[in-house]
Structure formats: C-alpha cells, structure tokens
Amino acid sequence: MFGSEPTVAFRPAVSLEDWRLILLAIRPYSHNTEYRKLLARLERQAKANGIVLMGQ
C-alpha cells in the first residue's frame, strides 16, 4: 500500500480576467453534476477573494 501523501493547498495565481474566463467556460456545462459542483466551488472561491462577476 502507498503511504499517505501530505495534502498541500494548490494556490495558483489567477487574474480577475482568468477567473471570469474560467467561470464563463464552465457555466454551459453546469447541467452536469460534476461540473456544477466544480463551478460552485470556484464561484465560492472567487467570491471569497473579492471577485464579483456579472449576473451573480
């Protein structure tokens, strides 16, 4: 068996424009449960970092 690996938070440097493009690209797939969960997580993280997108 493999030993447990330490969990490290992945914190990429993402600009406001990057956030906007990523969220806009994922939204059309929100009918899919897995994408909906991903989109929700990304939107929460964006909001927590002060990123406000139109239509929210």
N, C-alpha and C. Protein backbone atom coordinates (compact mmCIF):
# COMPACT_ATOMS: atom_id res chain seq x y z
N MET A 1 0.84 -1.18 0.00
CA MET A 1 0.00 0.00 0.00
C MET A 1 0.88 1.24 0.00
N PHE A 2 0.32 2.29 -0.53
CA PHE A 2 1.02 3.56 -0.57
C PHE A 2 0.81 4.30 0.76
N GLY A 3 1.85 4.97 1.20
CA GLY A 3 1.71 5.80 2.38
C GLY A 3 0.91 7.04 2.04
N SER A 4 0.35 7.67 3.06
CA SER A 4 -0.42 8.87 2.77
C SER A 4 0.51 10.01 2.38
N GLU A 5 0.06 10.77 1.42
CA GLU A 5 0.83 11.92 0.97
C GLU A 5 0.31 13.16 1.67
N PRO A 6 1.21 14.07 1.99
CA PRO A 6 0.73 15.30 2.64
C PRO A 6 -0.15 16.09 1.67
N THR A 7 -1.19 16.69 2.20
CA THR A 7 -2.09 17.49 1.38
C THR A 7 -1.59 18.93 1.39
N VAL A 8 -1.37 19.45 0.20
CA VAL A 8 -0.91 20.81 0.07
C VAL A 8 -1.94 21.57 -0.75
N ALA A 9 -2.33 22.74 -0.25
CA ALA A 9 -3.30 23.55 -0.98
C ALA A 9 -2.66 24.07 -2.25
N PHE A 10 -3.37 23.94 -3.33
CA PHE A 10 -2.91 24.44 -4.62
C PHE A 10 -3.45 25.85 -4.77
N ARG A 11 -2.57 26.83 -4.83
CA ARG A 11 -2.99 28.22 -4.90
C ARG A 11 -2.36 28.90 -6.11
N PRO A 12 -2.95 28.69 -7.26
CA PRO A 12 -2.40 29.31 -8.47
C PRO A 12 -2.66 30.81 -8.47
N ALA A 13 -1.81 31.53 -9.15
CA ALA A 13 -2.04 32.97 -9.34
C ALA A 13 -2.99 33.12 -10.52
N VAL A 14 -4.18 33.60 -10.24
CA VAL A 14 -5.20 33.73 -11.27
C VAL A 14 -5.70 35.18 -11.27
N SER A 15 -5.64 35.80 -12.42
CA SER A 15 -6.09 37.19 -12.53
C SER A 15 -7.61 37.25 -12.54
N LEU A 16 -8.15 38.45 -12.37
CA LEU A 16 -9.60 38.63 -12.45
C LEU A 16 -10.14 38.17 -13.80
N GLU A 17 -9.41 38.49 -14.85
CA GLU A 17 -9.83 38.08 -16.20
C GLU A 17 -9.78 36.56 -16.34
N ASP A 18 -8.76 35.91 -15.75
CA ASP A 18 -8.67 34.44 -15.76
C ASP A 18 -9.89 33.83 -15.08
N TRP A 19 -10.25 34.35 -13.88
CA TRP A 19 -11.42 33.84 -13.16
C TRP A 19 -12.66 33.96 -14.03
N ARG A 20 -12.83 35.13 -14.64
CA ARG A 20 -14.00 35.38 -15.46
C ARG A 20 -14.08 34.38 -16.61
N LEU A 21 -12.98 34.19 -17.30
CA LEU A 21 -12.95 33.27 -18.44
C LEU A 21 -13.19 31.82 -18.01
N ILE A 22 -12.59 31.41 -16.93
CA ILE A 22 -12.76 30.03 -16.43
C ILE A 22 -14.23 29.79 -16.08
N LEU A 23 -14.81 30.70 -15.31
CA LEU A 23 -16.20 30.53 -14.90
C LEU A 23 -17.15 30.57 -16.09
N LEU A 24 -16.91 31.48 -17.03
CA LEU A 24 -17.75 31.55 -18.22
C LEU A 24 -17.63 30.28 -19.06
N ALA A 25 -16.45 29.69 -19.11
CA ALA A 25 -16.23 28.48 -19.90
C ALA A 25 -16.92 27.27 -19.27
N ILE A 26 -17.00 27.23 -17.95
CA ILE A 26 -17.58 26.08 -17.26
C ILE A 26 -19.10 26.18 -17.15
N ARG A 27 -19.65 27.37 -17.08
CA ARG A 27 -21.10 27.53 -16.87
C ARG A 27 -21.97 26.74 -17.84
N PRO A 28 -21.66 26.68 -19.13
CA PRO A 28 -22.54 25.91 -20.04
C PRO A 28 -22.64 24.42 -19.68
N TYR A 29 -21.71 23.93 -18.89
CA TYR A 29 -21.72 22.51 -18.51
C TYR A 29 -22.36 22.30 -17.14
N SER A 30 -22.96 23.33 -16.57
CA SER A 30 -23.50 23.23 -15.21
C SER A 30 -24.67 22.26 -15.10
N HIS A 31 -25.22 21.79 -16.22
CA HIS A 31 -26.27 20.77 -16.16
C HIS A 31 -25.69 19.43 -15.69
N ASN A 32 -24.37 19.26 -15.84
CA ASN A 32 -23.69 18.05 -15.42
C ASN A 32 -23.33 18.20 -13.94
N THR A 33 -23.68 17.22 -13.13
CA THR A 33 -23.47 17.29 -11.68
C THR A 33 -22.03 17.59 -11.31
N GLU A 34 -21.08 16.93 -11.96
CA GLU A 34 -19.68 17.14 -11.60
C GLU A 34 -19.23 18.57 -11.91
N TYR A 35 -19.65 19.09 -13.05
CA TYR A 35 -19.28 20.46 -13.40
C TYR A 35 -19.99 21.46 -12.50
N ARG A 36 -21.23 21.14 -12.12
CA ARG A 36 -21.98 22.03 -11.24
C ARG A 36 -21.27 22.17 -9.90
N LYS A 37 -20.76 21.06 -9.38
CA LYS A 37 -20.02 21.11 -8.11
C LYS A 37 -18.73 21.90 -8.26
N LEU A 38 -18.02 21.69 -9.35
CA LEU A 38 -16.79 22.44 -9.62
C LEU A 38 -17.08 23.93 -9.75
N LEU A 39 -18.11 24.26 -10.50
CA LEU A 39 -18.48 25.66 -10.69
C LEU A 39 -18.84 26.31 -9.36
N ALA A 40 -19.59 25.62 -8.53
CA ALA A 40 -19.96 26.16 -7.22
C ALA A 40 -18.72 26.42 -6.37
N ARG A 41 -17.78 25.48 -6.37
CA ARG A 41 -16.54 25.68 -5.59
C ARG A 41 -15.75 26.88 -6.10
N LEU A 42 -15.61 26.97 -7.42
CA LEU A 42 -14.86 28.09 -8.00
C LEU A 42 -15.54 29.43 -7.75
N GLU A 43 -16.87 29.45 -7.84
CA GLU A 43 -17.59 30.69 -7.57
C GLU A 43 -17.45 31.10 -6.11
N ARG A 44 -17.48 30.14 -5.18
CA ARG A 44 -17.28 30.46 -3.75
C ARG A 44 -15.88 31.02 -3.53
N GLN A 45 -14.88 30.41 -4.15
CA GLN A 45 -13.51 30.88 -4.00
C GLN A 45 -13.34 32.27 -4.61
N ALA A 46 -13.95 32.49 -5.75
CA ALA A 46 -13.87 33.81 -6.39
C ALA A 46 -14.49 34.86 -5.47
N LYS A 47 -15.67 34.56 -4.94
CA LYS A 47 -16.36 35.50 -4.05
C LYS A 47 -15.53 35.76 -2.80
N ALA A 48 -14.95 34.72 -2.22
CA ALA A 48 -14.12 34.87 -1.02
C ALA A 48 -12.90 35.74 -1.28
N ASN A 49 -12.48 35.80 -2.53
CA ASN A 49 -11.32 36.61 -2.90
C ASN A 49 -11.71 37.96 -3.50
N GLY A 50 -12.99 38.32 -3.34
CA GLY A 50 -13.46 39.62 -3.78
C GLY A 50 -13.72 39.74 -5.26
N ILE A 51 -13.83 38.63 -5.95
CA ILE A 51 -14.09 38.65 -7.39
C ILE A 51 -15.59 38.56 -7.60
N VAL A 52 -16.17 39.61 -8.14
CA VAL A 52 -17.59 39.66 -8.38
C VAL A 52 -17.82 39.62 -9.89
N LEU A 53 -18.62 38.66 -10.31
CA LEU A 53 -18.91 38.51 -11.74
C LEU A 53 -20.31 39.02 -12.02
N MET A 54 -20.51 39.52 -13.21
CA MET A 54 -21.84 39.99 -13.62
C MET A 54 -22.79 38.81 -13.63
N GLY A 55 -24.04 39.05 -13.25
CA GLY A 55 -25.05 38.01 -13.27
C GLY A 55 -25.08 37.18 -12.00
N GLN A 56 -24.39 37.62 -10.96
CA GLN A 56 -24.43 36.88 -9.70
C GLN A 56 -25.10 37.71 -8.64
